[in-house]
C-alpha atoms as a PDB file:
ATOM      1  CA  MET A   1     159.603  76.285  72.971  1.00  0.00           C
ATOM      2  CA  CYS A   2     158.192  75.198  76.658  1.00  0.00           C
ATOM      3  CA  THR A   3     157.632  71.815  75.071  1.00  0.00           C
ATOM      4  CA  HIS A   4     161.227  72.022  74.323  1.00  0.00           C
ATOM      5  CA  ILE A   5     162.297  73.111  77.387  1.00  0.00           C
ATOM      6  CA  TYR A   6     160.603  71.095  79.515  1.00  0.00           C
ATOM      7  CA  ARG A   7     161.281  67.469  77.176  1.00  0.00           C
ATOM      8  CA  ASN A   8     164.665  68.280  76.952  1.00  0.00           C
ATOM      9  CA  ALA A   9     164.706  68.557  81.129  1.00  0.00           C
ATOM     10  CA  GLY A  10     163.117  65.317  81.675  1.00  0.00           C
ATOM     11  CA  LEU A  11     160.440  67.112  82.847  1.00  0.00           C
ATOM     12  CA  LEU A  12     157.767  66.404  80.201  1.00  0.00           C
ATOM     13  CA  VAL A  13     157.120  62.392  79.271  1.00  0.00           C
ATOM     14  CA  GLU A  14     155.715  60.089  76.922  1.00  0.00           C
ATOM     15  CA  LYS A  15     151.647  59.165  77.426  1.00  0.00           C
ATOM     16  CA  PRO A  16     151.199  55.792  78.670  1.00  0.00           C
ATOM     17  CA  GLY A  17     150.530  52.736  75.947  1.00  0.00           C
ATOM     18  CA  TRP A  18     147.468  51.760  78.466  1.00  0.00           C
ATOM     19  CA  LEU A  19     146.185  54.666  78.126  1.00  0.00           C
ATOM     20  CA  LYS A  20     145.301  54.422  74.327  1.00  0.00           C
ATOM     21  CA  ASP A  21     142.731  56.887  73.322  1.00  0.00           C
ATOM     22  CA  ARG A  22     142.544  58.475  76.433  1.00  0.00           C
ATOM     23  CA  ASN A  23     143.467  61.699  77.088  1.00  0.00           C
ATOM     24  CA  VAL A  24     145.245  63.382  80.159  1.00  0.00           C
ATOM     25  CA  LEU A  25     144.114  67.173  80.652  1.00  0.00           C
ATOM     26  CA  LEU A  26     144.528  69.451  83.424  1.00  0.00           C
ATOM     27  CA  VAL A  27     141.767  71.729  83.603  1.00  0.00           C
ATOM     28  CA  ASP A  28     142.045  75.010  86.495  1.00  0.00           C
ATOM     29  CA  GLY A  29     140.749  78.649  86.462  1.00  0.00           C
ATOM     30  CA  SER A  30     142.671  81.795  87.746  1.00  0.00           C
ATOM     31  CA  GLU A  31     140.988  85.025  88.662  1.00  0.00           C
ATOM     32  CA  ASP A  32     141.650  88.887  87.128  1.00  0.00           C
ATOM     33  CA  GLU A  33     140.900  91.766  88.291  1.00  0.00           C
ATOM     34  CA  ARG A  34     141.604  95.409  86.552  1.00  0.00           C
ATOM     35  CA  GLY A  35     141.653  98.489  88.414  1.00  0.00           C
ATOM     36  CA  GLY A  36     139.996 101.689  86.274  1.00  0.00           C
ATOM     37  CA  THR A  37     137.008 104.214  87.902  1.00  0.00           C
ATOM     38  CA  GLU A  38     135.406 100.750  87.387  1.00  0.00           C
ATOM     39  CA  ARG A  39     137.009  97.611  89.325  1.00  0.00           C
ATOM     40  CA  LEU A  40     136.615  94.349  86.786  1.00  0.00           C
ATOM     41  CA  TYR A  41     136.678  91.316  87.615  1.00  0.00           C
ATOM     42  CA  PHE A  42     136.562  87.634  86.025  1.00  0.00           C
ATOM     43  CA  MET A  43     137.904  84.390  85.409  1.00  0.00           C
ATOM     44  CA  LEU A  44     139.885  82.285  82.982  1.00  0.00           C
ATOM     45  CA  HIS A  45     138.988  78.764  82.478  1.00  0.00           C
ATOM     46  CA  TYR A  46     141.954  76.696  81.603  1.00  0.00           C
ATOM     47  CA  SER A  47     142.708  73.031  80.199  1.00  0.00           C
ATOM     48  CA  MET A  48     145.102  71.712  78.869  1.00  0.00           C
ATOM     49  CA  ASN A  49     146.963  68.213  77.743  1.00  0.00           C
ATOM     50  CA  LEU A  50     149.243  67.198  80.571  1.00  0.00           C
ATOM     51  CA  PHE A  51     151.474  65.099  78.215  1.00  0.00           C
ATOM     52  CA  THR A  52     151.595  67.506  75.263  1.00  0.00           C
ATOM     53  CA  LEU A  53     151.393  70.736  76.816  1.00  0.00           C
ATOM     54  CA  GLU A  54     148.879  71.698  74.298  1.00  0.00           C
ATOM     55  CA  ALA A  55     145.817  74.250  75.259  1.00  0.00           C
ATOM     56  CA  ARG A  56     142.586  72.435  74.781  1.00  0.00           C
ATOM     57  CA  GLU A  57     140.139  74.669  76.351  1.00  0.00           C
ATOM     58  CA  PHE A  58     140.345  78.666  77.024  1.00  0.00           C
ATOM     59  CA  ALA A  59     137.115  80.695  78.444  1.00  0.00           C
ATOM     60  CA  ILE A  60     136.806  83.502  80.236  1.00  0.00           C
ATOM     61  CA  THR A  61     133.481  84.712  82.261  1.00  0.00           C
ATOM     62  CA  ASP A  62     132.425  87.357  85.168  1.00  0.00           C
ATOM     63  CA  GLU A  63     133.218  86.810  88.632  1.00  0.00           C
ATOM     64  CA  GLY A  64     130.645  84.718  89.355  1.00  0.00           C
ATOM     65  CA  THR A  65     131.599  81.778  88.049  1.00  0.00           C
ATOM     66  CA  GLY A  66     133.267  79.409  89.565  1.00  0.00           C
ATOM     67  CA  GLU A  67     135.145  76.827  89.045  1.00  0.00           C
ATOM     68  CA  LYS A  68     133.336  73.505  87.268  1.00  0.00           C
ATOM     69  CA  LEU A  69     133.612  71.581  84.764  1.00  0.00           C
ATOM     70  CA  ALA A  70     130.460  72.105  82.818  1.00  0.00           C
ATOM     71  CA  ASN A  71     133.123  75.497  82.001  1.00  0.00           C
ATOM     72  CA  PHE A  72     134.510  73.127  79.295  1.00  0.00           C
ATOM     73  CA  THR A  73     132.431  71.895  76.767  1.00  0.00           C
ATOM     74  CA  LYS A  74     135.095  69.452  74.898  1.00  0.00           C
ATOM     75  CA  LEU A  75     134.934  67.322  77.352  1.00  0.00           C
ATOM     76  CA  GLY A  76     133.965  63.454  76.543  1.00  0.00           C
ATOM     77  CA  PRO A  77     134.235  60.367  77.934  1.00  0.00           C
ATOM     78  CA  GLN A  78     137.674  59.690  76.601  1.00  0.00           C
ATOM     79  CA  ASP A  79     138.639  62.350  79.153  1.00  0.00           C
ATOM     80  CA  ILE A  80     140.447  61.861  82.206  1.00  0.00           C
ATOM     81  CA  VAL A  81     140.077  65.177  83.876  1.00  0.00           C
ATOM     82  CA  ILE A  82     142.385  66.161  86.838  1.00  0.00           C
ATOM     83  CA  GLY A  83     141.214  69.105  88.894  1.00  0.00           C
ATOM     84  CA  ASP A  84     142.133  71.025  91.656  1.00  0.00           C
ATOM     85  CA  ARG A  85     140.196  70.963  95.102  1.00  0.00           C
ATOM     86  CA  ALA A  86     137.506  73.470  93.750  1.00  0.00           C
ATOM     87  CA  PHE A  87     136.331  71.365  91.246  1.00  0.00           C
ATOM     88  CA  PHE A  88     136.215  68.230  93.484  1.00  0.00           C
ATOM     89  CA  PHE A  89     133.318  70.306  95.527  1.00  0.00           C
ATOM     90  CA  THR A  90     131.782  71.870  92.854  1.00  0.00           C
ATOM     91  CA  ALA A  91     131.063  68.982  91.418  1.00  0.00           C
ATOM     92  CA  LEU A  92     129.900  67.070  94.536  1.00  0.00           C
ATOM     93  CA  TRP A  93     127.253  70.166  95.998  1.00  0.00           C
ATOM     94  CA  GLN A  94     125.809  70.473  91.958  1.00  0.00           C
ATOM     95  CA  GLY A  95     126.221  67.413  90.281  1.00  0.00           C
ATOM     96  CA  TRP A  96     128.341  66.206  87.083  1.00  0.00           C
ATOM     97  CA  ARG A  97     126.418  66.550  83.894  1.00  0.00           C
ATOM     98  CA  THR A  98     126.150  64.288  81.953  1.00  0.00           C
END
């Protein structure tokens, strides 16, 4: 439904031909907290295709796991990944896994 709305509004564009077999993925993480007698904190990490808005991968972790590309196990050499500054700083300090 969202894909149809975005496409009709001109917000969803076709993947340019020069990208060929490359995938352009957006990655992010979001914190959540659940109340009760014992507070529960967790992180939702997700990736999605920029041009189709299809989900690629989800991971739920505890609050000790920050935003890092290593949370995504399906990334490959054909993927171009776009993330916010949290991913950049983590990559600088911990290094990108090969």
